[in-house]
Amino acid sequence: MVGFLAYGPLSATTAAPEGISGSMEQLIKQCTAVGATMIFTAIGTFILLKITDLVIGLRVSEEEEREGLDVTLHGERLN
């Protein structure tokens, strides 16, 4: 809601001495930017997960999963 409730004098700079007052237009711009950031992050995460899956894999084998990852990956055993 910052884009909608912005108070002009508090956002004044040398480039915009009167500041930027809140409006529905500003709120829509900020919502668009948030949406674009979410899409960019989702695509980037997908690409990184695919690369990781190709290089080392994201899952362990079914046998390792059944035995338990503490035992198979870390060598932990109960005494």
PDB file of N, CA and C in Angstrom:
ATOM      1  N   MET A   1       0.810  -1.202   0.000  1.00  0.00           N
ATOM      2  CA  MET A   1       0.000   0.000   0.000  1.00  0.00           C
ATOM      3  C   MET A   1       0.853   1.265   0.000  1.00  0.00           C
ATOM      4  N   VAL A   2       2.174   1.145   0.016  1.00  0.00           N
ATOM      5  CA  VAL A   2       3.021   2.332   0.015  1.00  0.00           C
ATOM      6  C   VAL A   2       2.768   3.165  -1.235  1.00  0.00           C
ATOM      7  N   GLY A   3       2.615   2.513  -2.370  1.00  0.00           N
ATOM      8  CA  GLY A   3       2.359   3.243  -3.601  1.00  0.00           C
ATOM      9  C   GLY A   3       1.063   4.022  -3.564  1.00  0.00           C
ATOM     10  N   PHE A   4       0.113   3.546  -2.833  1.00  0.00           N
ATOM     11  CA  PHE A   4      -1.189   4.205  -2.742  1.00  0.00           C
ATOM     12  C   PHE A   4      -1.208   5.288  -1.665  1.00  0.00           C
ATOM     13  N   LEU A   5      -0.495   5.059  -0.566  1.00  0.00           N
ATOM     14  CA  LEU A   5      -0.545   5.968   0.577  1.00  0.00           C
ATOM     15  C   LEU A   5       0.653   6.906   0.688  1.00  0.00           C
ATOM     16  N   ALA A   6       1.546   6.916  -0.302  1.00  0.00           N
ATOM     17  CA  ALA A   6       2.759   7.739  -0.233  1.00  0.00           C
ATOM     18  C   ALA A   6       2.401   9.210  -0.031  1.00  0.00           C
ATOM     19  N   TYR A   7       3.169   9.885   0.801  1.00  0.00           N
ATOM     20  CA  TYR A   7       2.965  11.302   1.108  1.00  0.00           C
ATOM     21  C   TYR A   7       4.070  12.089   0.433  1.00  0.00           C
ATOM     22  N   GLY A   8       3.727  12.961  -0.499  1.00  0.00           N
ATOM     23  CA  GLY A   8       4.663  13.684  -1.341  1.00  0.00           C
ATOM     24  C   GLY A   8       5.836  14.329  -0.633  1.00  0.00           C
ATOM     25  N   PRO A   9       5.627  15.189   0.370  1.00  0.00           N
ATOM     26  CA  PRO A   9       6.755  15.885   0.997  1.00  0.00           C
ATOM     27  C   PRO A   9       7.791  14.949   1.631  1.00  0.00           C
ATOM     28  N   LEU A  10       7.392  13.765   2.055  1.00  0.00           N
ATOM     29  CA  LEU A  10       8.341  12.839   2.668  1.00  0.00           C
ATOM     30  C   LEU A  10       9.228  12.146   1.627  1.00  0.00           C
ATOM     31  N   SER A  11       8.810  12.165   0.371  1.00  0.00           N
ATOM     32  CA  SER A  11       9.597  11.501  -0.667  1.00  0.00           C
ATOM     33  C   SER A  11      10.306  12.499  -1.576  1.00  0.00           C
ATOM     34  N   ALA A  12      10.413  13.746  -1.162  1.00  0.00           N
ATOM     35  CA  ALA A  12      11.041  14.782  -1.983  1.00  0.00           C
ATOM     36  C   ALA A  12      12.538  14.536  -2.137  1.00  0.00           C
ATOM     37  N   THR A  13      13.029  14.733  -3.347  1.00  0.00           N
ATOM     38  CA  THR A  13      14.457  14.643  -3.647  1.00  0.00           C
ATOM     39  C   THR A  13      14.827  15.852  -4.498  1.00  0.00           C
ATOM     40  N   THR A  14      16.100  15.998  -4.812  1.00  0.00           N
ATOM     41  CA  THR A  14      16.500  17.103  -5.678  1.00  0.00           C
ATOM     42  C   THR A  14      15.940  16.929  -7.086  1.00  0.00           C
ATOM     43  N   ALA A  15      15.765  15.705  -7.529  1.00  0.00           N
ATOM     44  CA  ALA A  15      15.201  15.437  -8.851  1.00  0.00           C
ATOM     45  C   ALA A  15      13.696  15.705  -8.888  1.00  0.00           C
ATOM     46  N   ALA A  16      13.006  15.469  -7.775  1.00  0.00           N
ATOM     47  CA  ALA A  16      11.559  15.697  -7.678  1.00  0.00           C
ATOM     48  C   ALA A  16      11.278  16.439  -6.373  1.00  0.00           C
ATOM     49  N   PRO A  17      11.467  17.776  -6.343  1.00  0.00           N
ATOM     50  CA  PRO A  17      11.332  18.539  -5.097  1.00  0.00           C
ATOM     51  C   PRO A  17       9.942  18.463  -4.466  1.00  0.00           C
ATOM     52  N   GLU A  18       8.917  18.233  -5.278  1.00  0.00           N
ATOM     53  CA  GLU A  18       7.559  18.142  -4.729  1.00  0.00           C
ATOM     54  C   GLU A  18       7.260  16.751  -4.181  1.00  0.00           C
ATOM     55  N   GLY A  19       8.123  15.791  -4.460  1.00  0.00           N
ATOM     56  CA  GLY A  19       7.933  14.420  -3.988  1.00  0.00           C
ATOM     57  C   GLY A  19       6.975  13.662  -4.879  1.00  0.00           C
ATOM     58  N   ILE A  20       6.709  12.443  -4.512  1.00  0.00           N
ATOM     59  CA  ILE A  20       5.795  11.588  -5.260  1.00  0.00           C
ATOM     60  C   ILE A  20       4.623  11.247  -4.354  1.00  0.00           C
ATOM     61  N   SER A  21       3.440  11.682  -4.738  1.00  0.00           N
ATOM     62  CA  SER A  21       2.252  11.375  -3.954  1.00  0.00           C
ATOM     63  C   SER A  21       1.688  10.034  -4.384  1.00  0.00           C
ATOM     64  N   GLY A  22       1.068   9.368  -3.454  1.00  0.00           N
ATOM     65  CA  GLY A  22       0.498   8.061  -3.745  1.00  0.00           C
ATOM     66  C   GLY A  22      -0.676   8.148  -4.692  1.00  0.00           C
ATOM     67  N   SER A  23      -0.843   7.108  -5.479  1.00  0.00           N
ATOM     68  CA  SER A  23      -1.970   7.032  -6.406  1.00  0.00           C
ATOM     69  C   SER A  23      -2.175   5.568  -6.789  1.00  0.00           C
ATOM     70  N   MET A  24      -3.303   5.321  -7.390  1.00  0.00           N
ATOM     71  CA  MET A  24      -3.582   3.969  -7.854  1.00  0.00           C
ATOM     72  C   MET A  24      -2.587   3.580  -8.947  1.00  0.00           C
ATOM     73  N   GLU A  25      -2.176   4.533  -9.758  1.00  0.00           N
ATOM     74  CA  GLU A  25      -1.195   4.276 -10.807  1.00  0.00           C
ATOM     75  C   GLU A  25       0.124   3.788 -10.204  1.00  0.00           C
ATOM     76  N   GLN A  26       0.571   4.431  -9.136  1.00  0.00           N
ATOM     77  CA  GLN A  26       1.815   4.020  -8.482  1.00  0.00           C
ATOM     78  C   GLN A  26       1.669   2.635  -7.864  1.00  0.00           C
ATOM     79  N   LEU A  27       0.518   2.359  -7.257  1.00  0.00           N
ATOM     80  CA  LEU A  27       0.271   1.039  -6.676  1.00  0.00           C
ATOM     81  C   LEU A  27       0.315  -0.043  -7.753  1.00  0.00           C
ATOM     82  N   ILE A  28      -0.270   0.224  -8.916  1.00  0.00           N
ATOM     83  CA  ILE A  28      -0.266  -0.743 -10.012  1.00  0.00           C
ATOM     84  C   ILE A  28       1.164  -0.973 -10.505  1.00  0.00           C
ATOM     85  N   LYS A  29       1.957   0.100 -10.598  1.00  0.00           N
ATOM     86  CA  LYS A  29       3.357  -0.047 -11.010  1.00  0.00           C
ATOM     87  C   LYS A  29       4.120  -0.932 -10.034  1.00  0.00           C
ATOM     88  N   GLN A  30       3.895  -0.729  -8.745  1.00  0.00           N
ATOM     89  CA  GLN A  30       4.598  -1.532  -7.744  1.00  0.00           C
ATOM     90  C   GLN A  30       4.131  -2.980  -7.767  1.00  0.00           C
ATOM     91  N   CYS A  31       2.842  -3.203  -7.964  1.00  0.00           N
ATOM     92  CA  CYS A  31       2.338  -4.585  -8.056  1.00  0.00           C
ATOM     93  C   CYS A  31       2.906  -5.284  -9.284  1.00  0.00           C
ATOM     94  N   THR A  32       3.039  -4.559 -10.392  1.00  0.00           N
ATOM     95  CA  THR A  32       3.627  -5.119 -11.603  1.00  0.00           C
ATOM     96  C   THR A  32       5.088  -5.496 -11.347  1.00  0.00           C
ATOM     97  N   ALA A  33       5.815  -4.625 -10.653  1.00  0.00           N
ATOM     98  CA  ALA A  33       7.219  -4.906 -10.348  1.00  0.00           C
ATOM     99  C   ALA A  33       7.350  -6.130  -9.442  1.00  0.00           C
ATOM    100  N   VAL A  34       6.466  -6.257  -8.462  1.00  0.00           N
ATOM    101  CA  VAL A  34       6.492  -7.424  -7.575  1.00  0.00           C
ATOM    102  C   VAL A  34       6.194  -8.702  -8.368  1.00  0.00           C
ATOM    103  N   GLY A  35       5.207  -8.636  -9.245  1.00  0.00           N
ATOM    104  CA  GLY A  35       4.885  -9.793 -10.077  1.00  0.00           C
ATOM    105  C   GLY A  35       6.044 -10.191 -10.976  1.00  0.00           C
ATOM    106  N   ALA A  36       6.702  -9.198 -11.588  1.00  0.00           N
ATOM    107  CA  ALA A  36       7.847  -9.484 -12.453  1.00  0.00           C
ATOM    108  C   ALA A  36       8.981 -10.112 -11.646  1.00  0.00           C
ATOM    109  N   THR A  37       9.195  -9.629 -10.428  1.00  0.00           N
ATOM    110  CA  THR A  37      10.235 -10.193  -9.570  1.00  0.00           C
ATOM    111  C   THR A  37       9.925 -11.640  -9.213  1.00  0.00           C
ATOM    112  N   MET A  38       8.667 -11.917  -8.923  1.00  0.00           N
ATOM    113  CA  MET A  38       8.272 -13.291  -8.591  1.00  0.00           C
ATOM    114  C   MET A  38       8.476 -14.229  -9.780  1.00  0.00           C
ATOM    115  N   ILE A  39       8.120 -13.778 -10.979  1.00  0.00           N
ATOM    116  CA  ILE A  39       8.288 -14.597 -12.178  1.00  0.00           C
ATOM    117  C   ILE A  39       9.778 -14.830 -12.453  1.00  0.00           C
ATOM    118  N   PHE A  40      10.583 -13.768 -12.356  1.00  0.00           N
ATOM    119  CA  PHE A  40      12.025 -13.879 -12.571  1.00  0.00           C
ATOM    120  C   PHE A  40      12.643 -14.870 -11.584  1.00  0.00           C
ATOM    121  N   THR A  41      12.239 -14.777 -10.321  1.00  0.00           N
ATOM    122  CA  THR A  41      12.772 -15.665  -9.292  1.00  0.00           C
ATOM    123  C   THR A  41      12.348 -17.114  -9.536  1.00  0.00           C
ATOM    124  N   ALA A  42      11.103 -17.328  -9.926  1.00  0.00           N
ATOM    125  CA  ALA A  42      10.617 -18.682 -10.194  1.00  0.00           C
ATOM    126  C   ALA A  42      11.380 -19.306 -11.366  1.00  0.00           C
ATOM    127  N   ILE A  43      11.579 -18.545 -12.435  1.00  0.00           N
ATOM    128  CA  ILE A  43      12.310 -19.062 -13.594  1.00  0.00           C
ATOM    129  C   ILE A  43      13.764 -19.343 -13.228  1.00  0.00           C
ATOM    130  N   GLY A  44      14.402 -18.423 -12.506  1.00  0.00           N
ATOM    131  CA  GLY A  44      15.787 -18.626 -12.088  1.00  0.00           C
ATOM    132  C   GLY A  44      15.941 -19.846 -11.203  1.00  0.00           C
ATOM    133  N   THR A  45      15.019 -20.029 -10.261  1.00  0.00           N
ATOM    134  CA  THR A  45      15.057 -21.188  -9.377  1.00  0.00           C
ATOM    135  C   THR A  45      14.877 -22.478 -10.165  1.00  0.00           C
ATOM    136  N   PHE A  46      13.950 -22.479 -11.113  1.00  0.00           N
ATOM    137  CA  PHE A  46      13.715 -23.660 -11.945  1.00  0.00           C
ATOM    138  C   PHE A  46      14.983 -24.035 -12.713  1.00  0.00           C
ATOM    139  N   ILE A  47      15.624 -23.030 -13.309  1.00  0.00           N
ATOM    140  CA  ILE A  47      16.848 -23.289 -14.076  1.00  0.00           C
ATOM    141  C   ILE A  47      17.945 -23.847 -13.169  1.00  0.00           C
ATOM    142  N   LEU A  48      18.137 -23.246 -12.002  1.00  0.00           N
ATOM    143  CA  LEU A  48      19.167 -23.731 -11.077  1.00  0.00           C
ATOM    144  C   LEU A  48      18.871 -25.146 -10.590  1.00  0.00           C
ATOM    145  N   LEU A  49      17.606 -25.460 -10.328  1.00  0.00           N
ATOM    146  CA  LEU A  49      17.256 -26.817  -9.908  1.00  0.00           C
ATOM    147  C   LEU A  49      17.503 -27.825 -11.025  1.00  0.00           C
ATOM    148  N   LYS A  50      17.206 -27.456 -12.261  1.00  0.00           N
ATOM    149  CA  LYS A  50      17.456 -28.362 -13.389  1.00  0.00           C
ATOM    150  C   LYS A  50      18.958 -28.620 -13.564  1.00  0.00           C
ATOM    151  N   ILE A  51      19.760 -27.568 -13.422  1.00  0.00           N
ATOM    152  CA  ILE A  51      21.218 -27.733 -13.534  1.00  0.00           C
ATOM    153  C   ILE A  51      21.733 -28.633 -12.416  1.00  0.00           C
ATOM    154  N   THR A  52      21.266 -28.397 -11.197  1.00  0.00           N
ATOM    155  CA  THR A  52      21.666 -29.220 -10.059  1.00  0.00           C
ATOM    156  C   THR A  52      21.250 -30.674 -10.274  1.00  0.00           C
ATOM    157  N   ASP A  53      20.050 -30.875 -10.807  1.00  0.00           N
ATOM    158  CA  ASP A  53      19.564 -32.237 -11.058  1.00  0.00           C
ATOM    159  C   ASP A  53      20.433 -32.937 -12.100  1.00  0.00           C
ATOM    160  N   LEU A  54      20.865 -32.219 -13.113  1.00  0.00           N
ATOM    161  CA  LEU A  54      21.719 -32.826 -14.141  1.00  0.00           C
ATOM    162  C   LEU A  54      23.114 -33.134 -13.615  1.00  0.00           C
ATOM    163  N   VAL A  55      23.646 -32.275 -12.745  1.00  0.00           N
ATOM    164  CA  VAL A  55      25.020 -32.438 -12.279  1.00  0.00           C
ATOM    165  C   VAL A  55      25.123 -33.471 -11.158  1.00  0.00           C
ATOM    166  N   ILE A  56      24.364 -33.311 -10.088  1.00  0.00           N
ATOM    167  CA  ILE A  56      24.495 -34.223  -8.944  1.00  0.00           C
ATOM    168  C   ILE A  56      23.190 -34.898  -8.552  1.00  0.00           C
ATOM    169  N   GLY A  57      22.076 -34.461  -9.109  1.00  0.00           N
ATOM    170  CA  GLY A  57      20.786 -35.053  -8.777  1.00  0.00           C
ATOM    171  C   GLY A  57      20.167 -34.413  -7.547  1.00  0.00           C
ATOM    172  N   LEU A  58      18.867 -34.419  -7.530  1.00  0.00           N
ATOM    173  CA  LEU A  58      18.144 -33.827  -6.405  1.00  0.00           C
ATOM    174  C   LEU A  58      17.628 -34.877  -5.424  1.00  0.00           C
ATOM    175  N   ARG A  59      17.589 -36.125  -5.858  1.00  0.00           N
ATOM    176  CA  ARG A  59      17.051 -37.184  -5.003  1.00  0.00           C
ATOM    177  C   ARG A  59      18.101 -38.251  -4.759  1.00  0.00           C
ATOM    178  N   VAL A  60      17.947 -38.927  -3.651  1.00  0.00           N
ATOM    179  CA  VAL A  60      18.780 -40.089  -3.379  1.00  0.00           C
ATOM    180  C   VAL A  60      18.074 -41.310  -3.942  1.00  0.00           C
ATOM    181  N   SER A  61      18.786 -42.425  -4.002  1.00  0.00           N
ATOM    182  CA  SER A  61      18.161 -43.635  -4.536  1.00  0.00           C
ATOM    183  C   SER A  61      17.088 -44.129  -3.562  1.00  0.00           C
ATOM    184  N   GLU A  62      16.209 -44.955  -4.095  1.00  0.00           N
ATOM    185  CA  GLU A  62      15.118 -45.488  -3.275  1.00  0.00           C
ATOM    186  C   GLU A  62      15.663 -46.346  -2.126  1.00  0.00           C
ATOM    187  N   GLU A  63      16.747 -47.085  -2.399  1.00  0.00           N
ATOM    188  CA  GLU A  63      17.361 -47.923  -1.366  1.00  0.00           C
ATOM    189  C   GLU A  63      17.931 -47.067  -0.234  1.00  0.00           C
ATOM    190  N   GLU A  64      18.642 -45.987  -0.585  1.00  0.00           N
ATOM    191  CA  GLU A  64      19.194 -45.082   0.436  1.00  0.00           C
ATOM    192  C   GLU A  64      18.078 -44.436   1.249  1.00  0.00           C
ATOM    193  N   GLU A  65      16.995 -44.112   0.587  1.00  0.00           N
ATOM    194  CA  GLU A  65      15.870 -43.490   1.276  1.00  0.00           C
ATOM    195  C   GLU A  65      15.241 -44.465   2.269  1.00  0.00           C
ATOM    196  N   ARG A  66      15.113 -45.732   1.874  1.00  0.00           N
ATOM    197  CA  ARG A  66      14.542 -46.738   2.763  1.00  0.00           C
ATOM    198  C   ARG A  66      15.427 -47.000   3.974  1.00  0.00           C
ATOM    199  N   GLU A  67      16.740 -47.062   3.733  1.00  0.00           N
ATOM    200  CA  GLU A  67      17.675 -47.343   4.827  1.00  0.00           C
ATOM    201  C   GLU A  67      17.775 -46.163   5.793  1.00  0.00           C
ATOM    202  N   GLY A  68      17.644 -44.972   5.250  1.00  0.00           N
ATOM    203  CA  GLY A  68      17.724 -43.779   6.092  1.00  0.00           C
ATOM    204  C   GLY A  68      18.939 -42.949   5.722  1.00  0.00           C
ATOM    205  N   LEU A  69      18.749 -41.655   5.544  1.00  0.00           N
ATOM    206  CA  LEU A  69      19.830 -40.797   5.083  1.00  0.00           C
ATOM    207  C   LEU A  69      20.888 -40.567   6.147  1.00  0.00           C
ATOM    208  N   ASP A  70      20.520 -40.649   7.425  1.00  0.00           N
ATOM    209  CA  ASP A  70      21.533 -40.504   8.471  1.00  0.00           C
ATOM    210  C   ASP A  70      22.592 -41.598   8.348  1.00  0.00           C
ATOM    211  N   VAL A  71      22.142 -42.790   8.022  1.00  0.00           N
ATOM    212  CA  VAL A  71      23.065 -43.923   7.900  1.00  0.00           C
ATOM    213  C   VAL A  71      23.843 -43.845   6.592  1.00  0.00           C
ATOM    214  N   THR A  72      23.142 -43.661   5.479  1.00  0.00           N
ATOM    215  CA  THR A  72      23.797 -43.737   4.169  1.00  0.00           C
ATOM    216  C   THR A  72      24.675 -42.529   3.862  1.00  0.00           C
ATOM    217  N   LEU A  73      24.277 -41.349   4.258  1.00  0.00           N
ATOM    218  CA  LEU A  73      25.046 -40.144   3.921  1.00  0.00           C
ATOM    219  C   LEU A  73      26.012 -39.695   5.005  1.00  0.00           C
ATOM    220  N   HIS A  74      25.635 -39.933   6.258  1.00  0.00           N
ATOM    221  CA  HIS A  74      26.430 -39.398   7.366  1.00  0.00           C
ATOM    222  C   HIS A  74      27.102 -40.472   8.219  1.00  0.00           C
ATOM    223  N   GLY A  75      26.749 -41.728   7.988  1.00  0.00           N
ATOM    224  CA  GLY A  75      27.365 -42.814   8.744  1.00  0.00           C
ATOM    225  C   GLY A  75      26.935 -42.885  10.202  1.00  0.00           C
ATOM    226  N   GLU A  76      25.826 -42.265  10.533  1.00  0.00           N
ATOM    227  CA  GLU A  76      25.358 -42.302  11.936  1.00  0.00           C
ATOM    228  C   GLU A  76      24.668 -43.634  12.215  1.00  0.00           C
ATOM    229  N   ARG A  77      24.990 -44.192  13.356  1.00  0.00           N
ATOM    230  CA  ARG A  77      24.355 -45.458  13.779  1.00  0.00           C
ATOM    231  C   ARG A  77      24.046 -45.360  15.253  1.00  0.00           C
ATOM    232  N   LEU A  78      22.966 -46.007  15.653  1.00  0.00           N
ATOM    233  CA  LEU A  78      22.648 -46.078  17.091  1.00  0.00           C
ATOM    234  C   LEU A  78      23.510 -47.140  17.731  1.00  0.00           C
ATOM    235  N   ASN A  79      23.990 -46.866  18.925  1.00  0.00           N
ATOM    236  CA  ASN A  79      24.853 -47.843  19.620  1.00  0.00           C
ATOM    237  C   ASN A  79      24.064 -48.935  20.253  1.00  0.00           C
TER     238      ASN A  79
END
